[in-house]
């Protein structure tokens, strides 16, 4: 399982696959071993979806959800003392052999808690602690590769055991497919090669369903611009940003009867 994915970033347009990750719909869309306690989270192992933790605990710092001023909701938590309690879980469909990016924002309203991310019962990265200063939001990210999986069971586990403290909130959870930052890598293989040329030829003249490095709008047409990106960056890889030397990939095979003519002026690499 790949924990880190070098050279890849979450696409700005990649869809968040989690339902109600910002908790704006309230206490729906996820499972938990905690107890929902509307209006009061004074007991341990309880939570509520609120706009301000001070609404539900007398000792809580007073602050807004992660987007100040919008009256939105967060998941405010009085932590568990068992050390292995699932705080939040959601199961989603994933594509095999695909890299994903998990993100969430945490804050502390009295004292920090410790969280761990598990996907399909395997830890992803190391445990992390919510901020040491109250009422401050911090983002945590983790990378995960689906390998052969078609389903991801995503769990946030509260691993703190402290009775006094372990009081925090979470907000704006997201889980998105990762796309390559390499121009011309349309199939996200990490290298510009035959798969990318096939993508362009198979979608020529169409509004492509997925253009991470094409025209800036997802409604754009696959045309000469995309073809040029493939040919001009042939053989480049994510492991070598800006690489313009040698790359051991076969010469492109052009099919589908597309008359490329002079457009096939591939910037030749040494690919003996």
Protein backbone atom coordinates (compact mmCIF):
# COMPACT_ATOMS: atom_id res chain seq x y z
CA UNK A 1 0.00 0.00 0.00
CA UNK A 2 1.42 3.34 -1.05
CA UNK A 3 1.40 5.81 1.84
CA UNK A 4 3.12 8.63 -0.03
CA UNK A 5 2.72 9.48 -3.69
CA UNK A 6 5.59 11.58 -4.99
CA UNK A 7 4.88 14.01 -7.77
CA UNK A 8 1.12 13.71 -7.57
CA UNK A 9 -1.40 16.21 -6.29
CA UNK A 10 -5.14 16.20 -5.81
CA UNK A 11 -6.83 17.82 -8.75
CA UNK A 12 -8.55 21.12 -8.03
CA UNK A 13 -11.55 19.70 -9.86
CA UNK A 14 -11.44 16.21 -8.34
CA UNK A 15 -14.75 15.33 -6.72
CA UNK A 16 -14.98 14.77 -2.98
CA UNK A 17 -16.25 11.20 -2.69
CA UNK A 18 -17.38 11.60 0.92
CA UNK A 19 -20.98 12.40 1.75
CA UNK A 20 -21.55 15.26 4.21
CA UNK A 21 -17.83 15.60 4.92
CA UNK A 22 -18.42 19.18 6.06
CA UNK A 23 -21.27 18.12 8.43
CA UNK A 24 -23.54 20.81 7.02
CA UNK A 25 -26.34 18.24 6.89
CA UNK A 26 -25.88 17.44 10.56
CA UNK A 27 -25.64 13.98 12.08
CA UNK A 28 -26.06 11.94 8.89
CA UNK A 29 -23.92 10.04 6.40
CA UNK A 30 -21.42 8.33 8.69
CA UNK A 31 -21.19 5.61 11.32
CA UNK A 32 -19.52 5.89 14.72
CA UNK A 33 -18.91 4.10 18.00
CA UNK A 34 -19.43 7.41 19.83
CA UNK A 35 -22.75 8.46 21.31
CA UNK A 36 -24.69 11.29 19.69
CA UNK A 37 -25.65 13.71 22.45
CA UNK A 38 -27.62 16.67 21.12
CA UNK A 39 -27.11 19.81 23.16
CA UNK A 40 -24.47 18.45 25.58
CA UNK A 41 -21.15 16.65 25.14
CA UNK A 42 -20.14 16.75 28.81
CA UNK A 43 -19.92 12.92 29.12
CA UNK A 44 -16.90 11.17 27.58
CA UNK A 45 -17.32 9.47 24.19
CA UNK A 46 -20.05 11.82 23.00
CA UNK A 47 -20.38 14.19 20.05
CA UNK A 48 -22.70 16.71 18.47
CA UNK A 49 -22.78 18.61 15.17
CA UNK A 50 -22.70 22.30 16.13
CA UNK A 51 -21.61 25.71 14.91
CA UNK A 52 -19.65 26.40 18.15
CA UNK A 53 -18.35 23.89 20.74
CA UNK A 54 -19.21 26.34 23.54
CA UNK A 55 -22.88 25.62 22.78
CA UNK A 56 -22.55 22.05 24.06
CA UNK A 57 -19.85 22.13 26.77
CA UNK A 58 -19.36 24.68 29.56
CA UNK A 59 -15.55 24.46 29.38
CA UNK A 60 -15.20 24.69 25.58
CA UNK A 61 -13.47 27.50 23.74
CA UNK A 62 -15.86 29.56 21.65
CA UNK A 63 -15.16 29.59 17.90
CA UNK A 64 -16.73 28.97 14.48
CA UNK A 65 -16.48 26.04 12.16
CA UNK A 66 -13.61 25.91 9.68
CA UNK A 67 -15.15 28.60 7.45
CA UNK A 68 -15.70 31.58 9.79
CA UNK A 69 -18.88 33.58 9.53
CA UNK A 70 -21.00 31.14 7.52
CA UNK A 71 -22.82 29.60 10.48
CA UNK A 72 -21.73 26.15 9.35
CA UNK A 73 -21.38 23.01 11.40
CA UNK A 74 -18.49 20.96 12.77
CA UNK A 75 -18.34 17.64 14.62
CA UNK A 76 -17.50 18.54 18.24
CA UNK A 77 -16.17 15.62 20.30
CA UNK A 78 -15.65 14.73 23.96
CA UNK A 79 -13.11 11.98 23.44
CA UNK A 80 -13.16 8.32 24.35
CA UNK A 81 -10.92 6.83 27.05
CA UNK A 82 -10.72 3.34 25.50
CA UNK A 83 -7.94 4.20 23.04
CA UNK A 84 -9.42 2.44 20.00
CA UNK A 85 -12.87 3.91 19.39
CA UNK A 86 -14.07 4.66 15.85
CA UNK A 87 -15.11 8.29 15.78
CA UNK A 88 -16.17 8.51 12.13
CA UNK A 89 -16.46 5.95 9.34
CA UNK A 90 -17.75 5.90 5.80
CA UNK A 91 -17.57 3.25 3.08
CA UNK A 92 -17.19 4.31 -0.55
CA UNK A 93 -16.53 2.75 -3.94
CA UNK A 94 -13.03 3.28 -5.36
CA UNK A 95 -11.26 2.51 -8.63
CA UNK A 96 -8.52 -0.14 -8.52
CA UNK A 97 -4.91 0.96 -9.06
CA UNK A 98 -5.77 4.56 -8.25
CA UNK A 99 -4.19 7.00 -5.80
CA UNK A 100 -6.41 8.94 -3.42
CA UNK A 101 -5.97 11.94 -1.16
CA UNK A 102 -7.65 12.10 2.28
CA UNK A 103 -7.91 15.48 4.03
CA UNK A 104 -9.52 16.77 7.19
CA UNK A 105 -9.35 19.80 9.45
CA UNK A 106 -9.06 19.48 13.23
CA UNK A 107 -9.18 21.86 16.16
CA UNK A 108 -9.07 21.54 19.95
CA UNK A 109 -11.73 23.15 22.14
CA UNK A 110 -10.18 22.26 25.51
CA UNK A 111 -7.13 20.02 25.00
CA UNK A 112 -5.71 17.96 22.13
CA UNK A 113 -6.83 14.49 21.15
CA UNK A 114 -5.06 11.83 19.10
CA UNK A 115 -6.54 10.41 15.89
CA UNK A 116 -5.53 7.64 13.51
CA UNK A 117 -6.70 6.96 9.96
CA UNK A 118 -7.48 3.40 8.88
CA UNK A 119 -8.61 2.28 5.43
CA UNK A 120 -9.74 -1.30 5.00
CA UNK A 121 -8.45 -2.07 8.51
CA UNK A 122 -4.93 -0.93 7.68
CA UNK A 123 -3.31 2.19 9.23
CA UNK A 124 -2.58 4.99 6.78
CA UNK A 125 0.35 7.08 7.98
CA UNK A 126 1.10 7.77 11.63
CA UNK A 127 -1.28 8.95 14.39
CA UNK A 128 -1.72 12.71 14.58
CA UNK A 129 -2.65 15.11 17.36
CA UNK A 130 -5.18 17.92 17.12
CA UNK A 131 -3.76 21.45 17.59
CA UNK A 132 -2.11 22.35 20.87
CA UNK A 133 -3.71 25.81 20.83
CA UNK A 134 -7.48 25.95 21.27
CA UNK A 135 -9.80 27.32 18.57
CA UNK A 136 -7.19 26.94 15.78
CA UNK A 137 -7.95 24.85 12.69
CA UNK A 138 -5.17 22.75 11.12
CA UNK A 139 -5.29 20.51 8.06
CA UNK A 140 -4.03 16.91 8.00
CA UNK A 141 -3.53 14.96 4.77
CA UNK A 142 -2.87 11.31 3.98
CA UNK A 143 -2.24 9.54 0.65
CA UNK A 144 -3.60 6.07 -0.10
CA UNK A 145 -3.44 3.72 -3.09
CA UNK A 146 -6.37 1.43 -3.81
CA UNK A 147 -4.24 -1.34 -5.34
CA UNK A 148 -6.82 -4.04 -6.22
CA UNK A 149 -9.55 -2.72 -3.90
CA UNK A 150 -12.92 -1.62 -5.23
CA UNK A 151 -14.21 -0.44 -1.83
CA UNK A 152 -12.62 1.73 0.85
CA UNK A 153 -13.80 1.51 4.45
CA UNK A 154 -12.44 4.77 5.87
CA UNK A 155 -12.21 5.10 9.66
CA UNK A 156 -11.02 7.82 11.99
CA UNK A 157 -10.10 6.27 15.33
CA UNK A 158 -9.77 8.28 18.53
CA UNK A 159 -6.71 6.66 20.14
CA UNK A 160 -6.35 8.97 23.15
CA UNK A 161 -6.98 7.49 26.59
CA UNK A 162 -7.02 10.65 28.71
CA UNK A 163 -10.18 11.36 30.72
CA UNK A 164 -9.17 14.95 31.43
CA UNK A 165 -8.81 16.45 27.98
CA UNK A 166 -9.07 14.76 24.59
CA UNK A 167 -11.58 17.39 23.51
CA UNK A 168 -11.58 18.45 19.87
CA UNK A 169 -13.56 18.98 16.67
CA UNK A 170 -13.25 17.84 13.05
CA UNK A 171 -14.54 19.46 9.86
CA UNK A 172 -14.32 19.43 6.05
CA UNK A 173 -13.31 15.82 5.47
CA UNK A 174 -12.57 14.93 1.84
CA UNK A 175 -11.43 11.89 -0.12
CA UNK A 176 -10.54 12.53 -3.77
CA UNK A 177 -8.78 10.78 -6.61
CA UNK A 178 -5.27 12.05 -7.26
CA UNK A 179 -4.31 13.18 -10.73
CA UNK A 180 -0.89 13.68 -12.19
CA UNK A 181 0.72 17.09 -12.33
CA UNK A 182 2.64 16.02 -15.44
CA UNK A 183 1.53 17.76 -18.66
CA UNK A 184 0.30 15.19 -21.15
CA UNK A 185 -0.23 12.40 -18.60
CA UNK A 186 -3.93 11.93 -19.28
CA UNK A 187 -4.21 8.37 -17.96
CA UNK A 188 -2.41 9.22 -14.68
CA UNK A 189 0.21 6.52 -15.12
CA UNK A 190 3.01 8.83 -14.01
CA UNK A 191 4.58 8.83 -17.47
CA UNK A 192 3.62 10.30 -20.84
CA UNK A 193 3.32 7.26 -23.07
CA UNK A 194 1.03 5.25 -25.34
CA UNK A 195 -1.90 5.29 -22.93
CA UNK A 196 -1.99 9.09 -23.08
CA UNK A 197 -1.84 9.15 -26.87
CA UNK A 198 -4.70 6.63 -26.92
CA UNK A 199 -6.72 8.89 -24.63
CA UNK A 200 -6.31 11.81 -27.02
CA UNK A 201 -7.10 9.78 -30.15
CA UNK A 202 -10.09 8.03 -28.60
CA UNK A 203 -11.58 11.36 -27.50
CA UNK A 204 -10.53 13.50 -30.47
CA UNK A 205 -13.07 16.25 -31.11
CA UNK A 206 -15.12 15.33 -28.07
CA UNK A 207 -15.67 16.91 -24.70
CA UNK A 208 -13.44 14.60 -22.69
CA UNK A 209 -14.87 13.22 -19.46
CA UNK A 210 -11.52 13.71 -17.75
CA UNK A 211 -8.77 16.12 -18.76
CA UNK A 212 -6.36 16.72 -15.86
CA UNK A 213 -3.77 18.46 -18.01
CA UNK A 214 -5.79 19.58 -20.98
CA UNK A 215 -7.68 22.80 -21.54
CA UNK A 216 -8.50 24.61 -18.29
CA UNK A 217 -12.20 23.73 -18.42
CA UNK A 218 -13.67 20.23 -18.18
CA UNK A 219 -16.09 21.08 -21.01
CA UNK A 220 -13.23 21.73 -23.45
CA UNK A 221 -12.69 19.82 -26.67
CA UNK A 222 -9.85 17.33 -27.06
CA UNK A 223 -7.87 18.70 -29.96
CA UNK A 224 -4.41 19.69 -31.14
CA UNK A 225 -3.53 21.19 -27.75
CA UNK A 226 -3.83 17.82 -26.01
CA UNK A 227 -1.98 16.02 -28.81
CA UNK A 228 0.89 18.49 -28.55
CA UNK A 229 1.16 17.95 -24.82
CA UNK A 230 1.54 14.21 -25.34
CA UNK A 231 4.06 14.44 -28.17
CA UNK A 232 6.14 17.25 -26.69
CA UNK A 233 6.42 15.50 -23.33
CA UNK A 234 6.78 11.93 -24.60
CA UNK A 235 8.63 9.78 -22.06
CA UNK A 236 8.58 12.30 -19.23
CA UNK A 237 7.81 10.95 -15.76
CA UNK A 238 6.66 12.33 -12.44
CA UNK A 239 9.90 11.13 -10.92
CA UNK A 240 11.81 13.63 -13.04
CA UNK A 241 9.90 16.94 -13.11
CA UNK A 242 10.73 18.94 -16.21
CA UNK A 243 12.74 16.02 -17.61
CA UNK A 244 13.72 16.52 -21.21
CA UNK A 245 16.43 13.90 -21.71
CA UNK A 246 16.17 10.17 -22.28
CA UNK A 247 13.17 8.01 -21.55
CA UNK A 248 12.87 4.30 -22.28
CA UNK A 249 9.38 4.13 -23.77
CA UNK A 250 8.42 2.76 -27.19
CA UNK A 251 7.75 5.00 -30.13
CA UNK A 252 4.07 6.08 -30.31
CA UNK A 253 1.67 3.89 -32.25
CA UNK A 254 -0.97 5.97 -34.02
CA UNK A 255 -4.30 4.32 -34.76
CA UNK A 256 -7.97 4.97 -35.41
CA UNK A 257 -7.24 6.35 -38.88
CA UNK A 258 -6.60 9.82 -37.50
CA UNK A 259 -4.64 11.81 -40.12
CA UNK A 260 -2.04 13.48 -37.95
CA UNK A 261 0.28 14.42 -40.83
CA UNK A 262 2.59 17.20 -39.70
CA UNK A 263 1.05 17.10 -36.22
CA UNK A 264 3.10 13.99 -35.52
CA UNK A 265 6.30 16.01 -35.21
CA UNK A 266 7.35 14.14 -32.07
CA UNK A 267 10.21 15.72 -30.23
CA UNK A 268 12.43 12.68 -30.53
CA UNK A 269 14.04 11.18 -27.45
CA UNK A 270 16.88 8.71 -27.47
CA UNK A 271 14.81 5.54 -27.12
CA UNK A 272 17.00 2.87 -28.63
